[in-house]
Amino acid sequence: MIPPARGVGTDLPEFIRLPKPGARCRYTGLARSAVNDLILGVAPPVKSVVVARKGASRGIRLVHLGSLLGHLNGLMRQQENGNGGGR
């Protein structure tokens, strides 16, 4: 089990759905494409999971909110230390 990121209140959900196309994440303000960039790929910096019924070809991708906020906080610390802000 992934522990919640430091500073994440208990009133926040553990997992969130991707924002709808054209919408932004209500917790971070990131667009759907920006969140997708952080959760997809070989070694994504943000954790996510696909929930699908057995035998289904599609599912619902859920983003671990603590992982997303932790990644963004890490980028903020890097930038404050003058180390850039890339992944």
PDB file of N, CA and C in Angstrom:
ATOM      1  N   MET A   1       0.838  -1.187   0.000  1.00  0.00           N
ATOM      2  CA  MET A   1       0.000   0.000   0.000  1.00  0.00           C
ATOM      3  C   MET A   1       0.877   1.243   0.000  1.00  0.00           C
ATOM      4  N   ILE A   2       0.470   2.237  -0.731  1.00  0.00           N
ATOM      5  CA  ILE A   2       1.225   3.478  -0.841  1.00  0.00           C
ATOM      6  C   ILE A   2       0.784   4.419   0.264  1.00  0.00           C
ATOM      7  N   PRO A   3       1.727   4.891   1.084  1.00  0.00           N
ATOM      8  CA  PRO A   3       1.330   5.839   2.133  1.00  0.00           C
ATOM      9  C   PRO A   3       0.966   7.181   1.520  1.00  0.00           C
ATOM     10  N   PRO A   4       0.050   7.927   2.143  1.00  0.00           N
ATOM     11  CA  PRO A   4      -0.302   9.246   1.612  1.00  0.00           C
ATOM     12  C   PRO A   4       0.879  10.199   1.704  1.00  0.00           C
ATOM     13  N   ALA A   5       0.946  11.113   0.775  1.00  0.00           N
ATOM     14  CA  ALA A   5       2.014  12.114   0.774  1.00  0.00           C
ATOM     15  C   ALA A   5       1.874  13.007   1.986  1.00  0.00           C
ATOM     16  N   ARG A   6       3.009  13.478   2.482  1.00  0.00           N
ATOM     17  CA  ARG A   6       2.974  14.406   3.613  1.00  0.00           C
ATOM     18  C   ARG A   6       2.199  15.650   3.227  1.00  0.00           C
ATOM     19  N   GLY A   7       1.389  16.132   4.136  1.00  0.00           N
ATOM     20  CA  GLY A   7       0.634  17.350   3.880  1.00  0.00           C
ATOM     21  C   GLY A   7      -0.715  17.113   3.234  1.00  0.00           C
ATOM     22  N   VAL A   8      -0.979  15.861   2.835  1.00  0.00           N
ATOM     23  CA  VAL A   8      -2.273  15.562   2.229  1.00  0.00           C
ATOM     24  C   VAL A   8      -3.274  15.362   3.353  1.00  0.00           C
ATOM     25  N   GLY A   9      -4.322  16.168   3.357  1.00  0.00           N
ATOM     26  CA  GLY A   9      -5.337  16.077   4.404  1.00  0.00           C
ATOM     27  C   GLY A   9      -6.157  14.812   4.271  1.00  0.00           C
ATOM     28  N   THR A  10      -6.785  14.424   5.344  1.00  0.00           N
ATOM     29  CA  THR A  10      -7.598  13.215   5.323  1.00  0.00           C
ATOM     30  C   THR A  10      -8.906  13.416   4.571  1.00  0.00           C
ATOM     31  N   ASP A  11      -9.265  14.652   4.277  1.00  0.00           N
ATOM     32  CA  ASP A  11     -10.503  14.898   3.548  1.00  0.00           C
ATOM     33  C   ASP A  11     -10.327  14.744   2.038  1.00  0.00           C
ATOM     34  N   LEU A  12      -9.121  14.514   1.578  1.00  0.00           N
ATOM     35  CA  LEU A  12      -8.868  14.308   0.157  1.00  0.00           C
ATOM     36  C   LEU A  12      -8.978  12.821  -0.169  1.00  0.00           C
ATOM     37  N   PRO A  13      -9.449  12.484  -1.373  1.00  0.00           N
ATOM     38  CA  PRO A  13      -9.543  11.076  -1.742  1.00  0.00           C
ATOM     39  C   PRO A  13      -8.157  10.485  -1.987  1.00  0.00           C
ATOM     40  N   GLU A  14      -8.057   9.168  -1.864  1.00  0.00           N
ATOM     41  CA  GLU A  14      -6.786   8.508  -2.141  1.00  0.00           C
ATOM     42  C   GLU A  14      -6.542   8.434  -3.648  1.00  0.00           C
ATOM     43  N   PHE A  15      -7.602   8.198  -4.418  1.00  0.00           N
ATOM     44  CA  PHE A  15      -7.508   8.110  -5.873  1.00  0.00           C
ATOM     45  C   PHE A  15      -8.490   9.085  -6.506  1.00  0.00           C
ATOM     46  N   ILE A  16      -8.108   9.598  -7.676  1.00  0.00           N
ATOM     47  CA  ILE A  16      -8.995  10.485  -8.433  1.00  0.00           C
ATOM     48  C   ILE A  16      -9.053  10.000  -9.871  1.00  0.00           C
ATOM     49  N   ARG A  17     -10.141  10.329 -10.550  1.00  0.00           N
ATOM     50  CA  ARG A  17     -10.246  10.028 -11.977  1.00  0.00           C
ATOM     51  C   ARG A  17      -9.509  11.093 -12.765  1.00  0.00           C
ATOM     52  N   LEU A  18      -9.130  10.741 -13.976  1.00  0.00           N
ATOM     53  CA  LEU A  18      -8.548  11.741 -14.871  1.00  0.00           C
ATOM     54  C   LEU A  18      -9.580  12.827 -15.139  1.00  0.00           C
ATOM     55  N   PRO A  19      -9.136  14.063 -15.317  1.00  0.00           N
ATOM     56  CA  PRO A  19     -10.093  15.113 -15.691  1.00  0.00           C
ATOM     57  C   PRO A  19     -10.731  14.778 -17.041  1.00  0.00           C
ATOM     58  N   LYS A  20     -11.935  15.234 -17.255  1.00  0.00           N
ATOM     59  CA  LYS A  20     -12.585  15.046 -18.551  1.00  0.00           C
ATOM     60  C   LYS A  20     -11.826  15.846 -19.606  1.00  0.00           C
ATOM     61  N   PRO A  21     -11.891  15.434 -20.874  1.00  0.00           N
ATOM     62  CA  PRO A  21     -11.215  16.202 -21.924  1.00  0.00           C
ATOM     63  C   PRO A  21     -11.661  17.665 -21.904  1.00  0.00           C
ATOM     64  N   GLY A  22     -10.707  18.567 -21.942  1.00  0.00           N
ATOM     65  CA  GLY A  22     -10.991  19.996 -21.910  1.00  0.00           C
ATOM     66  C   GLY A  22     -11.122  20.567 -20.511  1.00  0.00           C
ATOM     67  N   ALA A  23     -11.148  19.698 -19.507  1.00  0.00           N
ATOM     68  CA  ALA A  23     -11.265  20.154 -18.115  1.00  0.00           C
ATOM     69  C   ALA A  23      -9.910  20.049 -17.420  1.00  0.00           C
ATOM     70  N   ARG A  24      -9.836  20.622 -16.232  1.00  0.00           N
ATOM     71  CA  ARG A  24      -8.607  20.584 -15.436  1.00  0.00           C
ATOM     72  C   ARG A  24      -8.860  19.841 -14.132  1.00  0.00           C
ATOM     73  N   CYS A  25      -7.797  19.288 -13.592  1.00  0.00           N
ATOM     74  CA  CYS A  25      -7.875  18.591 -12.309  1.00  0.00           C
ATOM     75  C   CYS A  25      -8.251  19.590 -11.222  1.00  0.00           C
ATOM     76  N   ARG A  26      -9.241  19.253 -10.414  1.00  0.00           N
ATOM     77  CA  ARG A  26      -9.695  20.197  -9.392  1.00  0.00           C
ATOM     78  C   ARG A  26      -8.727  20.310  -8.227  1.00  0.00           C
ATOM     79  N   TYR A  27      -7.775  19.393  -8.104  1.00  0.00           N
ATOM     80  CA  TYR A  27      -6.812  19.428  -7.005  1.00  0.00           C
ATOM     81  C   TYR A  27      -5.494  20.089  -7.396  1.00  0.00           C
ATOM     82  N   THR A  28      -5.135  20.030  -8.686  1.00  0.00           N
ATOM     83  CA  THR A  28      -3.839  20.566  -9.118  1.00  0.00           C
ATOM     84  C   THR A  28      -3.946  21.649 -10.180  1.00  0.00           C
ATOM     85  N   GLY A  29      -5.056  21.689 -10.899  1.00  0.00           N
ATOM     86  CA  GLY A  29      -5.193  22.630 -12.001  1.00  0.00           C
ATOM     87  C   GLY A  29      -4.561  22.148 -13.294  1.00  0.00           C
ATOM     88  N   LEU A  30      -4.022  20.921 -13.291  1.00  0.00           N
ATOM     89  CA  LEU A  30      -3.397  20.382 -14.496  1.00  0.00           C
ATOM     90  C   LEU A  30      -4.451  19.905 -15.493  1.00  0.00           C
ATOM     91  N   ALA A  31      -4.145  20.061 -16.779  1.00  0.00           N
ATOM     92  CA  ALA A  31      -5.018  19.557 -17.833  1.00  0.00           C
ATOM     93  C   ALA A  31      -4.906  18.033 -17.900  1.00  0.00           C
ATOM     94  N   ARG A  32      -5.884  17.395 -18.515  1.00  0.00           N
ATOM     95  CA  ARG A  32      -5.887  15.937 -18.668  1.00  0.00           C
ATOM     96  C   ARG A  32      -4.596  15.448 -19.318  1.00  0.00           C
ATOM     97  N   SER A  33      -4.137  16.134 -20.359  1.00  0.00           N
ATOM     98  CA  SER A  33      -2.928  15.701 -21.061  1.00  0.00           C
ATOM     99  C   SER A  33      -1.692  15.780 -20.160  1.00  0.00           C
ATOM    100  N   ALA A  34      -1.633  16.782 -19.301  1.00  0.00           N
ATOM    101  CA  ALA A  34      -0.495  16.913 -18.385  1.00  0.00           C
ATOM    102  C   ALA A  34      -0.498  15.779 -17.360  1.00  0.00           C
ATOM    103  N   VAL A  35      -1.670  15.431 -16.851  1.00  0.00           N
ATOM    104  CA  VAL A  35      -1.763  14.317 -15.901  1.00  0.00           C
ATOM    105  C   VAL A  35      -1.396  13.017 -16.608  1.00  0.00           C
ATOM    106  N   ASN A  36      -1.882  12.826 -17.838  1.00  0.00           N
ATOM    107  CA  ASN A  36      -1.537  11.633 -18.611  1.00  0.00           C
ATOM    108  C   ASN A  36      -0.036  11.513 -18.805  1.00  0.00           C
ATOM    109  N   ASP A  37       0.636  12.617 -19.094  1.00  0.00           N
ATOM    110  CA  ASP A  37       2.091  12.595 -19.267  1.00  0.00           C
ATOM    111  C   ASP A  37       2.796  12.101 -18.011  1.00  0.00           C
ATOM    112  N   LEU A  38       2.219  12.372 -16.850  1.00  0.00           N
ATOM    113  CA  LEU A  38       2.843  11.994 -15.581  1.00  0.00           C
ATOM    114  C   LEU A  38       2.539  10.558 -15.159  1.00  0.00           C
ATOM    115  N   ILE A  39       1.483   9.946 -15.720  1.00  0.00           N
ATOM    116  CA  ILE A  39       1.101   8.607 -15.274  1.00  0.00           C
ATOM    117  C   ILE A  39       1.383   7.511 -16.291  1.00  0.00           C
ATOM    118  N   LEU A  40       1.673   7.871 -17.536  1.00  0.00           N
ATOM    119  CA  LEU A  40       1.896   6.871 -18.576  1.00  0.00           C
ATOM    120  C   LEU A  40       3.372   6.790 -18.940  1.00  0.00           C
ATOM    121  N   GLY A  41       3.763   5.691 -19.523  1.00  0.00           N
ATOM    122  CA  GLY A  41       5.142   5.519 -19.948  1.00  0.00           C
ATOM    123  C   GLY A  41       5.810   4.371 -19.203  1.00  0.00           C
ATOM    124  N   VAL A  42       7.108   4.218 -19.442  1.00  0.00           N
ATOM    125  CA  VAL A  42       7.863   3.102 -18.877  1.00  0.00           C
ATOM    126  C   VAL A  42       8.030   3.224 -17.366  1.00  0.00           C
ATOM    127  N   ALA A  43       8.467   4.370 -16.899  1.00  0.00           N
ATOM    128  CA  ALA A  43       8.678   4.588 -15.455  1.00  0.00           C
ATOM    129  C   ALA A  43       8.022   5.904 -15.054  1.00  0.00           C
ATOM    130  N   PRO A  44       6.691   5.937 -14.996  1.00  0.00           N
ATOM    131  CA  PRO A  44       6.010   7.202 -14.702  1.00  0.00           C
ATOM    132  C   PRO A  44       6.293   7.681 -13.282  1.00  0.00           C
ATOM    133  N   PRO A  45       6.428   8.996 -13.100  1.00  0.00           N
ATOM    134  CA  PRO A  45       6.703   9.533 -11.769  1.00  0.00           C
ATOM    135  C   PRO A  45       5.485   9.540 -10.848  1.00  0.00           C
ATOM    136  N   VAL A  46       4.293   9.354 -11.413  1.00  0.00           N
ATOM    137  CA  VAL A  46       3.059   9.362 -10.622  1.00  0.00           C
ATOM    138  C   VAL A  46       2.367   8.009 -10.792  1.00  0.00           C
ATOM    139  N   LYS A  47       1.902   7.449  -9.695  1.00  0.00           N
ATOM    140  CA  LYS A  47       1.273   6.130  -9.712  1.00  0.00           C
ATOM    141  C   LYS A  47      -0.198   6.222 -10.117  1.00  0.00           C
ATOM    142  N   SER A  48      -0.629   5.198 -10.849  1.00  0.00           N
ATOM    143  CA  SER A  48      -2.033   5.101 -11.246  1.00  0.00           C
ATOM    144  C   SER A  48      -2.390   3.630 -11.378  1.00  0.00           C
ATOM    145  N   VAL A  49      -3.672   3.367 -11.485  1.00  0.00           N
ATOM    146  CA  VAL A  49      -4.158   2.001 -11.610  1.00  0.00           C
ATOM    147  C   VAL A  49      -5.358   2.007 -12.548  1.00  0.00           C
ATOM    148  N   VAL A  50      -5.526   0.904 -13.295  1.00  0.00           N
ATOM    149  CA  VAL A  50      -6.702   0.751 -14.145  1.00  0.00           C
ATOM    150  C   VAL A  50      -7.628  -0.256 -13.477  1.00  0.00           C
ATOM    151  N   VAL A  51      -8.864   0.146 -13.274  1.00  0.00           N
ATOM    152  CA  VAL A  51      -9.879  -0.728 -12.691  1.00  0.00           C
ATOM    153  C   VAL A  51     -10.792  -1.167 -13.826  1.00  0.00           C
ATOM    154  N   ALA A  52     -10.825  -2.483 -14.080  1.00  0.00           N
ATOM    155  CA  ALA A  52     -11.659  -3.011 -15.157  1.00  0.00           C
ATOM    156  C   ALA A  52     -12.273  -4.332 -14.711  1.00  0.00           C
ATOM    157  N   ARG A  53     -13.412  -4.616 -15.241  1.00  0.00           N
ATOM    158  CA  ARG A  53     -14.041  -5.908 -14.970  1.00  0.00           C
ATOM    159  C   ARG A  53     -13.283  -6.988 -15.731  1.00  0.00           C
ATOM    160  N   LYS A  54     -13.329  -8.180 -15.221  1.00  0.00           N
ATOM    161  CA  LYS A  54     -12.642  -9.301 -15.847  1.00  0.00           C
ATOM    162  C   LYS A  54     -13.130  -9.479 -17.284  1.00  0.00           C
ATOM    163  N   GLY A  55     -12.189  -9.539 -18.208  1.00  0.00           N
ATOM    164  CA  GLY A  55     -12.515  -9.713 -19.611  1.00  0.00           C
ATOM    165  C   GLY A  55     -12.833  -8.429 -20.351  1.00  0.00           C
ATOM    166  N   ALA A  56     -12.919  -7.319 -19.651  1.00  0.00           N
ATOM    167  CA  ALA A  56     -13.241  -6.041 -20.298  1.00  0.00           C
ATOM    168  C   ALA A  56     -12.026  -5.518 -21.053  1.00  0.00           C
ATOM    169  N   SER A  57     -12.273  -4.859 -22.177  1.00  0.00           N
ATOM    170  CA  SER A  57     -11.171  -4.289 -22.947  1.00  0.00           C
ATOM    171  C   SER A  57     -10.820  -2.880 -22.479  1.00  0.00           C
ATOM    172  N   ARG A  58     -11.696  -2.283 -21.697  1.00  0.00           N
ATOM    173  CA  ARG A  58     -11.453  -0.933 -21.179  1.00  0.00           C
ATOM    174  C   ARG A  58     -11.678  -0.916 -19.681  1.00  0.00           C
ATOM    175  N   GLY A  59     -11.157   0.122 -19.082  1.00  0.00           N
ATOM    176  CA  GLY A  59     -11.358   0.280 -17.650  1.00  0.00           C
ATOM    177  C   GLY A  59     -11.300   1.749 -17.289  1.00  0.00           C
ATOM    178  N   ILE A  60     -11.300   2.014 -16.007  1.00  0.00           N
ATOM    179  CA  ILE A  60     -11.215   3.384 -15.508  1.00  0.00           C
ATOM    180  C   ILE A  60      -9.830   3.574 -14.919  1.00  0.00           C
ATOM    181  N   ARG A  61      -9.087   4.560 -15.409  1.00  0.00           N
ATOM    182  CA  ARG A  61      -7.767   4.847 -14.855  1.00  0.00           C
ATOM    183  C   ARG A  61      -7.934   5.805 -13.691  1.00  0.00           C
ATOM    184  N   LEU A  62      -7.403   5.388 -12.547  1.00  0.00           N
ATOM    185  CA  LEU A  62      -7.429   6.208 -11.343  1.00  0.00           C
ATOM    186  C   LEU A  62      -6.008   6.632 -11.006  1.00  0.00           C
ATOM    187  N   VAL A  63      -5.846   7.875 -10.634  1.00  0.00           N
ATOM    188  CA  VAL A  63      -4.544   8.452 -10.295  1.00  0.00           C
ATOM    189  C   VAL A  63      -4.427   8.508  -8.776  1.00  0.00           C
ATOM    190  N   HIS A  64      -3.290   8.055  -8.253  1.00  0.00           N
ATOM    191  CA  HIS A  64      -3.055   8.138  -6.809  1.00  0.00           C
ATOM    192  C   HIS A  64      -2.744   9.594  -6.482  1.00  0.00           C
ATOM    193  N   LEU A  65      -3.667  10.256  -5.796  1.00  0.00           N
ATOM    194  CA  LEU A  65      -3.550  11.695  -5.545  1.00  0.00           C
ATOM    195  C   LEU A  65      -2.321  12.024  -4.709  1.00  0.00           C
ATOM    196  N   GLY A  66      -2.007  11.223  -3.710  1.00  0.00           N
ATOM    197  CA  GLY A  66      -0.820  11.474  -2.892  1.00  0.00           C
ATOM    198  C   GLY A  66       0.451  11.434  -3.718  1.00  0.00           C
ATOM    199  N   SER A  67       0.513  10.501  -4.669  1.00  0.00           N
ATOM    200  CA  SER A  67       1.664  10.389  -5.556  1.00  0.00           C
ATOM    201  C   SER A  67       1.771  11.616  -6.465  1.00  0.00           C
ATOM    202  N   LEU A  68       0.636  12.071  -6.985  1.00  0.00           N
ATOM    203  CA  LEU A  68       0.614  13.250  -7.853  1.00  0.00           C
ATOM    204  C   LEU A  68       1.052  14.497  -7.093  1.00  0.00           C
ATOM    205  N   LEU A  69       0.475  14.709  -5.912  1.00  0.00           N
ATOM    206  CA  LEU A  69       0.838  15.883  -5.118  1.00  0.00           C
ATOM    207  C   LEU A  69       2.280  15.796  -4.634  1.00  0.00           C
ATOM    208  N   GLY A  70       2.723  14.596  -4.288  1.00  0.00           N
ATOM    209  CA  GLY A  70       4.112  14.410  -3.868  1.00  0.00           C
ATOM    210  C   GLY A  70       5.085  14.738  -4.983  1.00  0.00           C
ATOM    211  N   HIS A  71       4.749  14.317  -6.202  1.00  0.00           N
ATOM    212  CA  HIS A  71       5.605  14.625  -7.356  1.00  0.00           C
ATOM    213  C   HIS A  71       5.676  16.132  -7.596  1.00  0.00           C
ATOM    214  N   LEU A  72       4.531  16.797  -7.549  1.00  0.00           N
ATOM    215  CA  LEU A  72       4.515  18.248  -7.764  1.00  0.00           C
ATOM    216  C   LEU A  72       5.278  18.978  -6.663  1.00  0.00           C
ATOM    217  N   ASN A  73       5.148  18.521  -5.421  1.00  0.00           N
ATOM    218  CA  ASN A  73       5.912  19.127  -4.325  1.00  0.00           C
ATOM    219  C   ASN A  73       7.408  18.906  -4.505  1.00  0.00           C
ATOM    220  N   GLY A  74       7.786  17.732  -5.021  1.00  0.00           N
ATOM    221  CA  GLY A  74       9.193  17.460  -5.309  1.00  0.00           C
ATOM    222  C   GLY A  74       9.735  18.398  -6.376  1.00  0.00           C
ATOM    223  N   LEU A  75       8.940  18.640  -7.418  1.00  0.00           N
ATOM    224  CA  LEU A  75       9.350  19.590  -8.457  1.00  0.00           C
ATOM    225  C   LEU A  75       9.523  20.987  -7.876  1.00  0.00           C
ATOM    226  N   MET A  76       8.630  21.363  -6.978  1.00  0.00           N
ATOM    227  CA  MET A  76       8.718  22.681  -6.351  1.00  0.00           C
ATOM    228  C   MET A  76      10.012  22.799  -5.534  1.00  0.00           C
ATOM    229  N   ARG A  77      10.343  21.752  -4.780  1.00  0.00           N
ATOM    230  CA  ARG A  77      11.585  21.780  -3.989  1.00  0.00           C
ATOM    231  C   ARG A  77      12.809  21.871  -4.896  1.00  0.00           C
ATOM    232  N   GLN A  78      12.801  21.118  -6.016  1.00  0.00           N
ATOM    233  CA  GLN A  78      13.917  21.174  -6.964  1.00  0.00           C
ATOM    234  C   GLN A  78      14.090  22.584  -7.511  1.00  0.00           C
ATOM    235  N   GLN A  79      12.983  23.200  -7.876  1.00  0.00           N
ATOM    236  CA  GLN A  79      13.047  24.538  -8.459  1.00  0.00           C
ATOM    237  C   GLN A  79      13.483  25.568  -7.434  1.00  0.00           C
ATOM    238  N   GLU A  80      13.067  25.386  -6.184  1.00  0.00           N
ATOM    239  CA  GLU A  80      13.499  26.305  -5.129  1.00  0.00           C
ATOM    240  C   GLU A  80      14.998  26.199  -4.887  1.00  0.00           C
ATOM    241  N   ASN A  81      15.560  25.000  -5.122  1.00  0.00           N
ATOM    242  CA  ASN A  81      16.992  24.781  -4.938  1.00  0.00           C
ATOM    243  C   ASN A  81      17.788  25.087  -6.198  1.00  0.00           C
ATOM    244  N   GLY A  82      17.107  25.542  -7.250  1.00  0.00           N
ATOM    245  CA  GLY A  82      17.786  25.902  -8.492  1.00  0.00           C
ATOM    246  C   GLY A  82      18.190  24.716  -9.340  1.00  0.00           C
ATOM    247  N   ASN A  83      17.504  23.578  -9.180  1.00  0.00           N
ATOM    248  CA  ASN A  83      17.859  22.375  -9.925  1.00  0.00           C
ATOM    249  C   ASN A  83      16.939  22.111 -11.109  1.00  0.00           C
ATOM    250  N   GLY A  84      16.213  23.094 -11.564  1.00  0.00           N
ATOM    251  CA  GLY A  84      15.317  22.906 -12.701  1.00  0.00           C
ATOM    252  C   GLY A  84      14.021  22.262 -12.288  1.00  0.00           C
ATOM    253  N   GLY A  85      13.197  21.900 -13.277  1.00  0.00           N
ATOM    254  CA  GLY A  85      11.893  21.351 -12.939  1.00  0.00           C
ATOM    255  C   GLY A  85      11.451  20.225 -13.831  1.00  0.00           C
ATOM    256  N   GLY A  86      12.369  19.599 -14.569  1.00  0.00           N
ATOM    257  CA  GLY A  86      11.976  18.507 -15.443  1.00  0.00           C
ATOM    258  C   GLY A  86      11.703  17.237 -14.683  1.00  0.00           C
ATOM    259  N   ARG A  87      11.230  16.230 -15.430  1.00  0.00           N
ATOM    260  CA  ARG A  87      10.954  14.933 -14.810  1.00  0.00           C
ATOM    261  C   ARG A  87      12.242  14.251 -14.648  1.00  0.00           C
TER     262      ARG A  87
END
